Amino acid sequence: MKWVFYFSEKNLKKVEENFFKKRLKPEKIMVKTLNGSVKVHGTNKRVIHNRALEDRIKDQLYICSKSVYPELEENLVLTGCHSLLVDHLAKEYLEPTKEVLGCVMLTQGKYRIPACVDQRAEVWDHKGDYTVYHVALENESPETNYAIWANGLLVESCCIKHFKTM
């Protein structure tokens, strides 16, 4: 069984039921990465208050819609600091990405573009408190994350080191 741990209307109920209510052991679940499947180290959730501001800040939610990202199987909602992964970083994204992440970063050879920087992602206009989910995959290096598929879009997973501080 393969799971994707990102907030969407379709998979939210599965994540709630299977990981947080039944308490399945994450290490028995595999997640599809760019280069194959990897065991889950752990899952986590937190509440974010979505202010739905016009300003593109990292501490709110953004929607990647199927109409803008044709590879999506369904719309995907991400936090502003969560990154989409691309082959090339466009020049106009260089400085804003550095402002959010501190530097330009790669995950499995793909450039990270935070959702709040990617102009294709729109501010999610639903104000309120929402639960967001994180997944960290097994890795010998606790500072390394993976490129994983979320609803058909390539995004970053959480690294074990960051996961443990949440």
C-alpha atoms as a PDB file:
ATOM      1  CA  MET A   1       0.000   0.000   0.000  1.00  0.00           C
ATOM      2  CA  LYS A   2       1.346   3.462  -0.901  1.00  0.00           C
ATOM      3  CA  TRP A   3       0.233   6.696   0.738  1.00  0.00           C
ATOM      4  CA  VAL A   4       0.769  10.346   0.063  1.00  0.00           C
ATOM      5  CA  PHE A   5       0.605  12.584   3.123  1.00  0.00           C
ATOM      6  CA  TYR A   6      -0.603  15.931   1.909  1.00  0.00           C
ATOM      7  CA  PHE A   7      -3.783  17.771   2.691  1.00  0.00           C
ATOM      8  CA  SER A   8      -6.442  17.267   0.069  1.00  0.00           C
ATOM      9  CA  GLU A   9     -10.122  16.577   0.379  1.00  0.00           C
ATOM     10  CA  LYS A  10      -9.679  13.099  -1.100  1.00  0.00           C
ATOM     11  CA  ASN A  11      -6.814  11.702   0.995  1.00  0.00           C
ATOM     12  CA  LEU A  12      -7.297  13.537   4.299  1.00  0.00           C
ATOM     13  CA  LYS A  13      -9.784  10.971   5.597  1.00  0.00           C
ATOM     14  CA  LYS A  14      -7.466   8.049   4.696  1.00  0.00           C
ATOM     15  CA  VAL A  15      -4.556   9.615   6.559  1.00  0.00           C
ATOM     16  CA  GLU A  16      -6.700  10.366   9.616  1.00  0.00           C
ATOM     17  CA  GLU A  17      -8.174   6.870   9.756  1.00  0.00           C
ATOM     18  CA  ASN A  18      -5.078   4.857   8.980  1.00  0.00           C
ATOM     19  CA  PHE A  19      -2.310   6.677  10.812  1.00  0.00           C
ATOM     20  CA  PHE A  20      -3.786   8.714  13.593  1.00  0.00           C
ATOM     21  CA  LYS A  21      -6.799   6.669  14.648  1.00  0.00           C
ATOM     22  CA  LYS A  22      -5.772   3.050  14.019  1.00  0.00           C
ATOM     23  CA  ARG A  23      -2.116   3.788  14.836  1.00  0.00           C
ATOM     24  CA  LEU A  24      -0.624   1.668  12.085  1.00  0.00           C
ATOM     25  CA  LYS A  25       3.130   1.344  12.288  1.00  0.00           C
ATOM     26  CA  PRO A  26       4.583   3.781   9.726  1.00  0.00           C
ATOM     27  CA  GLU A  27       7.627   1.595   8.991  1.00  0.00           C
ATOM     28  CA  LYS A  28       5.295  -0.921   7.319  1.00  0.00           C
ATOM     29  CA  ILE A  29       4.099   1.651   4.768  1.00  0.00           C
ATOM     30  CA  MET A  30       5.982   2.523   1.578  1.00  0.00           C
ATOM     31  CA  VAL A  31       5.913   5.860  -0.251  1.00  0.00           C
ATOM     32  CA  LYS A  32       6.711   6.272  -3.942  1.00  0.00           C
ATOM     33  CA  THR A  33       9.749   8.526  -4.434  1.00  0.00           C
ATOM     34  CA  LEU A  34      11.456   9.736  -7.593  1.00  0.00           C
ATOM     35  CA  ASN A  35      13.685   6.629  -7.583  1.00  0.00           C
ATOM     36  CA  GLY A  36      11.438   3.920  -6.119  1.00  0.00           C
ATOM     37  CA  SER A  37       9.589   3.187  -2.900  1.00  0.00           C
ATOM     38  CA  VAL A  38      10.958   3.944   0.589  1.00  0.00           C
ATOM     39  CA  LYS A  39       9.687   2.974   4.037  1.00  0.00           C
ATOM     40  CA  VAL A  40       8.097   5.650   6.170  1.00  0.00           C
ATOM     41  CA  HIS A  41      10.135   6.718   9.214  1.00  0.00           C
ATOM     42  CA  GLY A  42       7.221   8.571  10.768  1.00  0.00           C
ATOM     43  CA  THR A  43       4.206  10.759  10.224  1.00  0.00           C
ATOM     44  CA  ASN A  44       3.295  13.933  12.012  1.00  0.00           C
ATOM     45  CA  LYS A  45       0.576  16.538  11.954  1.00  0.00           C
ATOM     46  CA  ARG A  46       0.173  20.100  13.089  1.00  0.00           C
ATOM     47  CA  VAL A  47      -2.440  22.801  12.915  1.00  0.00           C
ATOM     48  CA  ILE A  48      -1.836  25.872  10.778  1.00  0.00           C
ATOM     49  CA  HIS A  49      -3.952  28.988  10.880  1.00  0.00           C
ATOM     50  CA  ASN A  50      -4.651  29.994   7.300  1.00  0.00           C
ATOM     51  CA  ARG A  51      -5.116  33.752   7.146  1.00  0.00           C
ATOM     52  CA  ALA A  52      -5.637  33.711   3.361  1.00  0.00           C
ATOM     53  CA  LEU A  53      -3.715  36.957   2.899  1.00  0.00           C
ATOM     54  CA  GLU A  54      -2.950  38.320  -0.545  1.00  0.00           C
ATOM     55  CA  ASP A  55       0.699  38.629   0.532  1.00  0.00           C
ATOM     56  CA  ARG A  56       2.661  35.516  -0.420  1.00  0.00           C
ATOM     57  CA  ILE A  57       3.901  34.485   3.011  1.00  0.00           C
ATOM     58  CA  LYS A  58       5.171  31.051   4.016  1.00  0.00           C
ATOM     59  CA  ASP A  59       2.844  30.667   7.017  1.00  0.00           C
ATOM     60  CA  GLN A  60      -0.387  30.061   5.116  1.00  0.00           C
ATOM     61  CA  LEU A  61      -1.832  27.554   2.665  1.00  0.00           C
ATOM     62  CA  TYR A  62      -1.589  27.512  -1.131  1.00  0.00           C
ATOM     63  CA  ILE A  63      -3.506  25.505  -3.677  1.00  0.00           C
ATOM     64  CA  CYS A  64      -1.974  23.886  -6.716  1.00  0.00           C
ATOM     65  CA  SER A  65      -4.893  23.340  -9.082  1.00  0.00           C
ATOM     66  CA  LYS A  66      -5.250  20.807 -11.871  1.00  0.00           C
ATOM     67  CA  SER A  67      -5.954  23.610 -14.334  1.00  0.00           C
ATOM     68  CA  VAL A  68      -2.475  25.092 -13.731  1.00  0.00           C
ATOM     69  CA  TYR A  69      -0.527  21.888 -12.948  1.00  0.00           C
ATOM     70  CA  PRO A  70      -1.818  19.395 -15.559  1.00  0.00           C
ATOM     71  CA  GLU A  71       0.138  16.515 -13.971  1.00  0.00           C
ATOM     72  CA  LEU A  72      -2.057  16.685 -10.842  1.00  0.00           C
ATOM     73  CA  GLU A  73      -4.618  13.937 -10.281  1.00  0.00           C
ATOM     74  CA  GLU A  74      -6.559  16.306  -7.992  1.00  0.00           C
ATOM     75  CA  ASN A  75      -5.953  19.727  -6.476  1.00  0.00           C
ATOM     76  CA  LEU A  76      -3.230  19.816  -3.829  1.00  0.00           C
ATOM     77  CA  VAL A  77      -3.008  22.160  -0.827  1.00  0.00           C
ATOM     78  CA  LEU A  78       0.439  22.852   0.651  1.00  0.00           C
ATOM     79  CA  THR A  79       1.949  25.132   3.256  1.00  0.00           C
ATOM     80  CA  GLY A  80       3.793  28.121   1.834  1.00  0.00           C
ATOM     81  CA  CYS A  81       7.222  26.848   2.853  1.00  0.00           C
ATOM     82  CA  HIS A  82       6.644  23.374   1.411  1.00  0.00           C
ATOM     83  CA  SER A  83       8.506  22.994  -1.871  1.00  0.00           C
ATOM     84  CA  LEU A  84       7.525  21.772  -5.292  1.00  0.00           C
ATOM     85  CA  LEU A  85      10.392  20.173  -7.220  1.00  0.00           C
ATOM     86  CA  VAL A  86      11.455  21.197 -10.717  1.00  0.00           C
ATOM     87  CA  ASP A  87      14.303  20.474 -13.147  1.00  0.00           C
ATOM     88  CA  HIS A  88      15.253  24.130 -13.614  1.00  0.00           C
ATOM     89  CA  LEU A  89      14.931  27.127 -11.310  1.00  0.00           C
ATOM     90  CA  ALA A  90      13.685  30.119 -13.286  1.00  0.00           C
ATOM     91  CA  LYS A  91      15.684  33.300 -12.748  1.00  0.00           C
ATOM     92  CA  GLU A  92      12.704  35.170 -11.232  1.00  0.00           C
ATOM     93  CA  TYR A  93      12.436  32.495  -8.512  1.00  0.00           C
ATOM     94  CA  LEU A  94      16.085  32.601  -7.454  1.00  0.00           C
ATOM     95  CA  GLU A  95      16.027  35.475  -4.939  1.00  0.00           C
ATOM     96  CA  PRO A  96      12.554  34.781  -3.487  1.00  0.00           C
ATOM     97  CA  THR A  97      13.548  31.130  -2.966  1.00  0.00           C
ATOM     98  CA  LYS A  98      16.708  32.226  -1.144  1.00  0.00           C
ATOM     99  CA  GLU A  99      14.622  34.546   1.059  1.00  0.00           C
ATOM    100  CA  VAL A 100      12.317  31.711   2.127  1.00  0.00           C
ATOM    101  CA  LEU A 101      14.782  28.814   2.353  1.00  0.00           C
ATOM    102  CA  GLY A 102      18.002  30.687   3.103  1.00  0.00           C
ATOM    103  CA  CYS A 103      19.662  29.341  -0.045  1.00  0.00           C
ATOM    104  CA  VAL A 104      18.874  27.400  -3.208  1.00  0.00           C
ATOM    105  CA  MET A 105      18.340  23.739  -2.304  1.00  0.00           C
ATOM    106  CA  LEU A 106      18.097  20.495  -4.233  1.00  0.00           C
ATOM    107  CA  THR A 107      16.253  17.289  -3.436  1.00  0.00           C
ATOM    108  CA  GLN A 108      17.275  14.250  -5.465  1.00  0.00           C
ATOM    109  CA  GLY A 109      18.671  16.550  -8.161  1.00  0.00           C
ATOM    110  CA  LYS A 110      15.522  18.704  -8.391  1.00  0.00           C
ATOM    111  CA  TYR A 111      15.312  22.370  -7.406  1.00  0.00           C
ATOM    112  CA  ARG A 112      12.994  23.313  -4.546  1.00  0.00           C
ATOM    113  CA  ILE A 113      10.492  26.117  -5.130  1.00  0.00           C
ATOM    114  CA  PRO A 114       8.424  26.947  -2.039  1.00  0.00           C
ATOM    115  CA  ALA A 115       4.691  27.105  -2.737  1.00  0.00           C
ATOM    116  CA  CYS A 116       4.637  30.746  -1.570  1.00  0.00           C
ATOM    117  CA  VAL A 117       7.226  31.588  -4.264  1.00  0.00           C
ATOM    118  CA  ASP A 118       5.722  29.592  -7.133  1.00  0.00           C
ATOM    119  CA  GLN A 119       3.349  32.072  -8.796  1.00  0.00           C
ATOM    120  CA  ARG A 120       1.300  29.205 -10.246  1.00  0.00           C
ATOM    121  CA  ALA A 121       0.183  28.226  -6.722  1.00  0.00           C
ATOM    122  CA  GLU A 122      -2.635  30.429  -5.464  1.00  0.00           C
ATOM    123  CA  VAL A 123      -3.317  31.504  -1.906  1.00  0.00           C
ATOM    124  CA  TRP A 124      -5.967  29.132  -0.566  1.00  0.00           C
ATOM    125  CA  ASP A 125      -8.829  31.485   0.223  1.00  0.00           C
ATOM    126  CA  HIS A 126     -10.385  29.463   3.071  1.00  0.00           C
ATOM    127  CA  LYS A 127      -9.578  31.195   6.366  1.00  0.00           C
ATOM    128  CA  GLY A 128      -9.340  29.101   9.507  1.00  0.00           C
ATOM    129  CA  ASP A 129      -7.379  26.392  11.292  1.00  0.00           C
ATOM    130  CA  TYR A 130      -6.363  23.335   9.260  1.00  0.00           C
ATOM    131  CA  THR A 131      -4.424  20.187  10.044  1.00  0.00           C
ATOM    132  CA  VAL A 132      -1.426  19.564   7.796  1.00  0.00           C
ATOM    133  CA  TYR A 133       0.471  16.284   7.645  1.00  0.00           C
ATOM    134  CA  HIS A 134       4.161  15.552   7.280  1.00  0.00           C
ATOM    135  CA  VAL A 135       5.995  12.373   6.376  1.00  0.00           C
ATOM    136  CA  ALA A 136       9.648  11.512   6.883  1.00  0.00           C
ATOM    137  CA  LEU A 137      11.104   8.544   5.025  1.00  0.00           C
ATOM    138  CA  GLU A 138      13.820   6.181   6.180  1.00  0.00           C
ATOM    139  CA  ASN A 139      17.284   7.492   5.297  1.00  0.00           C
ATOM    140  CA  GLU A 140      20.810   6.904   6.613  1.00  0.00           C
ATOM    141  CA  SER A 141      21.311  10.671   6.605  1.00  0.00           C
ATOM    142  CA  PRO A 142      18.817  12.418   8.927  1.00  0.00           C
ATOM    143  CA  GLU A 143      19.260  15.696   6.998  1.00  0.00           C
ATOM    144  CA  THR A 144      18.297  14.246   3.618  1.00  0.00           C
ATOM    145  CA  ASN A 145      14.776  14.283   2.227  1.00  0.00           C
ATOM    146  CA  TYR A 146      13.167  12.711  -0.828  1.00  0.00           C
ATOM    147  CA  ALA A 147      11.327  13.751  -3.950  1.00  0.00           C
ATOM    148  CA  ILE A 148       7.881  12.174  -3.529  1.00  0.00           C
ATOM    149  CA  TRP A 149       4.692  12.173  -5.555  1.00  0.00           C
ATOM    150  CA  ALA A 150       1.712  13.973  -4.032  1.00  0.00           C
ATOM    151  CA  ASN A 151      -1.435  13.679  -6.144  1.00  0.00           C
ATOM    152  CA  GLY A 152       0.800  13.380  -9.211  1.00  0.00           C
ATOM    153  CA  LEU A 153       3.028  16.395  -8.432  1.00  0.00           C
ATOM    154  CA  LEU A 154       6.667  16.036  -7.378  1.00  0.00           C
ATOM    155  CA  VAL A 155       7.254  17.650  -3.954  1.00  0.00           C
ATOM    156  CA  GLU A 156       9.720  17.289  -1.093  1.00  0.00           C
ATOM    157  CA  SER A 157       9.300  15.012   1.897  1.00  0.00           C
ATOM    158  CA  CYS A 158      10.334  16.059   5.385  1.00  0.00           C
ATOM    159  CA  CYS A 159      13.826  15.014   6.522  1.00  0.00           C
ATOM    160  CA  ILE A 160      14.120  12.991   9.745  1.00  0.00           C
ATOM    161  CA  LYS A 161      16.071  15.754  11.520  1.00  0.00           C
ATOM    162  CA  HIS A 162      13.383  18.376  10.859  1.00  0.00           C
ATOM    163  CA  PHE A 163      10.635  15.857  11.546  1.00  0.00           C
ATOM    164  CA  LYS A 164      11.993  15.237  15.058  1.00  0.00           C
ATOM    165  CA  THR A 165      11.834  18.979  15.914  1.00  0.00           C
ATOM    166  CA  MET A 166       8.164  19.365  14.972  1.00  0.00           C
END
